[in-house]
Amino acid sequence: MLGRPHDRSQPRPRPPDDGPPGAPHSGTREDREAITQVMDRLHRAWARHDADAYGGLFTRDASYVTFVGTCYSGRDDIINSHRVLFRKHLKGTRLAGEITDIRFHGPDTAILVGRGDTYKGRRAPRKPSKVQTLTFVRESDGQWRIAAFHNTQRKALMEAISFKTTPGLIPAAQR
């Protein structure tokens, strides 16, 4: 049943290995690939400076927080702001990015954490300077879309100083 549209008024049948309600869901290989494909389409839309295609990957009521803290609400707001950004501040830019983690919270919700950046020219930055968190939902048409996007400017020097002076702040995955 995963990947097919369903009536949202009816509960989606749970796979037998899904555990108790509220337990993390591992997601299927197809779901991971579908989310990765959404990210690929996001990058391609950005490269074309196609605000409509970019915004079309978000839910109608999506929230979008930029690294400077600007909050956009809804697909139309995301599209309209990117039309302006692609003509002005982000003209000629491309996206660089890497997915560091995808975690599923039920069969229709996933959290993606990655690193990303914008750049001009042919060479993407070696170390993207932003950390991004995206919440994906499978909508009633069976398509994965972005319901929330949060972009944070990474402060590598501040992070290094805090890790040096307070080692307990180092994330377990980096110890």
Foldseek 3Di string as FASTA:
>chain_A
DALAFDDPVDDDDAPPVQDDQQDWGAEDPVRVVLVVVLVVQLQVCVQVLPLLSNLVQADQQAWEAEQVGDIATGSVRSSVVSNVCCVPVQPQKGKDKDWDDWTGRGSFKIKTKIAMAIDHDDDDDPGGQKIKIWMWGQDNRSHIGTRYIHIHGHDVVVVVVCCVVPVVPDDPVVD
